[in-house]
Amino acid sequence: MSALIIFVFRAIMGAIFAVLLTKFFYPKATFLGTAGFAIGLVGLAYITELFRKRKKGP
């Protein structure tokens, strides 16, 4: 898969999980807080991919 498709998939999944988690644990969260959480989730996905690739080697 291309990098753009992977990014779009991760962004959509990050947004869905961010909305679900913030509404469940913090119902009074603002849109900006939810969007920040979604960005953080997508960032964590890329960081864990980086660690996984680094651990595997070339």
N, C-alpha and C. Protein backbone atom coordinates (compact mmCIF):
# COMPACT_ATOMS: atom_id res chain seq x y z
N MET A 1 0.84 -1.18 0.00
CA MET A 1 0.00 0.00 0.00
C MET A 1 0.88 1.24 0.00
N SER A 2 0.36 2.28 -0.58
CA SER A 2 1.13 3.51 -0.62
C SER A 2 1.05 4.22 0.74
N ALA A 3 1.99 5.11 0.94
CA ALA A 3 2.07 5.83 2.22
C ALA A 3 0.85 6.72 2.43
N LEU A 4 0.29 7.26 1.35
CA LEU A 4 -0.88 8.12 1.49
C LEU A 4 -2.10 7.33 1.96
N ILE A 5 -2.30 6.15 1.43
CA ILE A 5 -3.44 5.32 1.83
C ILE A 5 -3.29 4.91 3.30
N ILE A 6 -2.08 4.57 3.70
CA ILE A 6 -1.85 4.20 5.10
C ILE A 6 -2.12 5.39 6.01
N PHE A 7 -1.68 6.59 5.61
CA PHE A 7 -1.92 7.78 6.42
C PHE A 7 -3.42 8.07 6.55
N VAL A 8 -4.15 7.99 5.44
CA VAL A 8 -5.59 8.26 5.47
C VAL A 8 -6.30 7.25 6.38
N PHE A 9 -5.94 5.98 6.26
CA PHE A 9 -6.53 4.95 7.11
C PHE A 9 -6.24 5.22 8.58
N ARG A 10 -5.00 5.56 8.89
CA ARG A 10 -4.64 5.84 10.29
C ARG A 10 -5.34 7.09 10.79
N ALA A 11 -5.47 8.09 9.95
CA ALA A 11 -6.15 9.32 10.36
C ALA A 11 -7.63 9.07 10.65
N ILE A 12 -8.28 8.28 9.80
CA ILE A 12 -9.69 7.96 10.03
C ILE A 12 -9.86 7.15 11.30
N MET A 13 -9.04 6.12 11.47
CA MET A 13 -9.13 5.29 12.66
C MET A 13 -8.78 6.09 13.92
N GLY A 14 -7.79 6.97 13.82
CA GLY A 14 -7.44 7.81 14.96
C GLY A 14 -8.57 8.73 15.35
N ALA A 15 -9.26 9.29 14.37
CA ALA A 15 -10.39 10.18 14.66
C ALA A 15 -11.54 9.41 15.30
N ILE A 16 -11.83 8.23 14.78
CA ILE A 16 -12.92 7.42 15.35
C ILE A 16 -12.62 7.05 16.80
N PHE A 17 -11.42 6.54 17.05
CA PHE A 17 -11.07 6.14 18.42
C PHE A 17 -10.98 7.34 19.35
N ALA A 18 -10.50 8.48 18.84
CA ALA A 18 -10.42 9.66 19.69
C ALA A 18 -11.81 10.13 20.12
N VAL A 19 -12.75 10.12 19.19
CA VAL A 19 -14.12 10.53 19.54
C VAL A 19 -14.72 9.55 20.54
N LEU A 20 -14.57 8.26 20.29
CA LEU A 20 -15.13 7.27 21.21
C LEU A 20 -14.53 7.37 22.60
N LEU A 21 -13.21 7.47 22.68
CA LEU A 21 -12.56 7.50 23.98
C LEU A 21 -12.84 8.79 24.74
N THR A 22 -12.84 9.93 24.05
CA THR A 22 -13.10 11.19 24.76
C THR A 22 -14.56 11.28 25.20
N LYS A 23 -15.48 10.78 24.40
CA LYS A 23 -16.89 10.82 24.81
C LYS A 23 -17.16 9.84 25.96
N PHE A 24 -16.42 8.77 26.00
CA PHE A 24 -16.61 7.79 27.06
C PHE A 24 -15.98 8.24 28.37
N PHE A 25 -14.73 8.73 28.32
CA PHE A 25 -14.01 9.08 29.54
C PHE A 25 -14.10 10.56 29.92
N TYR A 26 -14.31 11.43 28.93
CA TYR A 26 -14.36 12.86 29.21
C TYR A 26 -15.42 13.50 28.32
N PRO A 27 -16.69 13.36 28.67
CA PRO A 27 -17.78 13.81 27.80
C PRO A 27 -17.79 15.32 27.52
N LYS A 28 -17.19 16.11 28.37
CA LYS A 28 -17.21 17.56 28.17
C LYS A 28 -16.02 18.06 27.36
N ALA A 29 -15.31 17.17 26.72
CA ALA A 29 -14.14 17.57 25.93
C ALA A 29 -14.56 18.42 24.74
N THR A 30 -13.74 19.39 24.43
CA THR A 30 -14.01 20.25 23.29
C THR A 30 -13.54 19.58 22.00
N PHE A 31 -13.96 20.17 20.88
CA PHE A 31 -13.52 19.65 19.59
C PHE A 31 -12.01 19.73 19.45
N LEU A 32 -11.44 20.80 19.94
CA LEU A 32 -9.99 20.98 19.84
C LEU A 32 -9.24 19.92 20.65
N GLY A 33 -9.75 19.59 21.81
CA GLY A 33 -9.15 18.54 22.61
C GLY A 33 -9.24 17.17 21.96
N THR A 34 -10.38 16.90 21.36
CA THR A 34 -10.57 15.63 20.66
C THR A 34 -9.67 15.55 19.44
N ALA A 35 -9.55 16.65 18.71
CA ALA A 35 -8.68 16.67 17.53
C ALA A 35 -7.22 16.49 17.94
N GLY A 36 -6.82 17.10 19.04
CA GLY A 36 -5.46 16.92 19.53
C GLY A 36 -5.18 15.49 19.94
N PHE A 37 -6.17 14.86 20.54
CA PHE A 37 -6.02 13.46 20.93
C PHE A 37 -5.91 12.57 19.69
N ALA A 38 -6.69 12.88 18.65
CA ALA A 38 -6.61 12.11 17.40
C ALA A 38 -5.24 12.26 16.75
N ILE A 39 -4.71 13.46 16.75
CA ILE A 39 -3.36 13.69 16.20
C ILE A 39 -2.33 12.92 17.00
N GLY A 40 -2.50 12.90 18.32
CA GLY A 40 -1.59 12.14 19.17
C GLY A 40 -1.65 10.64 18.90
N LEU A 41 -2.84 10.12 18.66
CA LEU A 41 -2.98 8.70 18.36
C LEU A 41 -2.30 8.34 17.03
N VAL A 42 -2.48 9.18 16.03
CA VAL A 42 -1.84 8.92 14.73
C VAL A 42 -0.32 9.03 14.88
N GLY A 43 0.14 10.00 15.64
CA GLY A 43 1.57 10.14 15.89
C GLY A 43 2.14 8.92 16.60
N LEU A 44 1.41 8.40 17.57
CA LEU A 44 1.87 7.20 18.27
C LEU A 44 1.92 5.99 17.33
N ALA A 45 1.02 5.92 16.38
CA ALA A 45 1.05 4.82 15.41
C ALA A 45 2.33 4.88 14.59
N TYR A 46 2.73 6.08 14.17
CA TYR A 46 3.96 6.21 13.39
C TYR A 46 5.20 5.96 14.25
N ILE A 47 5.17 6.37 15.51
CA ILE A 47 6.31 6.14 16.39
C ILE A 47 6.50 4.65 16.65
N THR A 48 5.39 3.93 16.91
CA THR A 48 5.53 2.50 17.14
C THR A 48 5.98 1.77 15.88
N GLU A 49 5.56 2.25 14.70
CA GLU A 49 6.05 1.65 13.46
C GLU A 49 7.55 1.89 13.31
N LEU A 50 8.01 3.07 13.67
CA LEU A 50 9.43 3.37 13.61
C LEU A 50 10.24 2.44 14.52
N PHE A 51 9.77 2.24 15.75
CA PHE A 51 10.47 1.34 16.67
C PHE A 51 10.46 -0.09 16.17
N ARG A 52 9.33 -0.52 15.60
CA ARG A 52 9.23 -1.88 15.10
C ARG A 52 10.17 -2.10 13.92
N LYS A 53 10.28 -1.13 13.02
CA LYS A 53 11.18 -1.26 11.88
C LYS A 53 12.65 -1.22 12.32
N ARG A 54 12.94 -0.39 13.32
CA ARG A 54 14.30 -0.28 13.81
C ARG A 54 14.73 -1.57 14.49
N LYS A 55 13.80 -2.23 15.18
CA LYS A 55 14.09 -3.46 15.88
C LYS A 55 14.34 -4.61 14.90
N LYS A 56 13.62 -4.63 13.77
CA LYS A 56 13.78 -5.67 12.77
C LYS A 56 15.14 -5.59 12.08
N GLY A 57 15.61 -4.41 11.85
CA GLY A 57 16.87 -4.25 11.12
C GLY A 57 16.62 -3.97 9.64
N PRO A 58 17.70 -3.89 8.86
CA PRO A 58 17.53 -3.54 7.44
C PRO A 58 16.91 -4.64 6.60
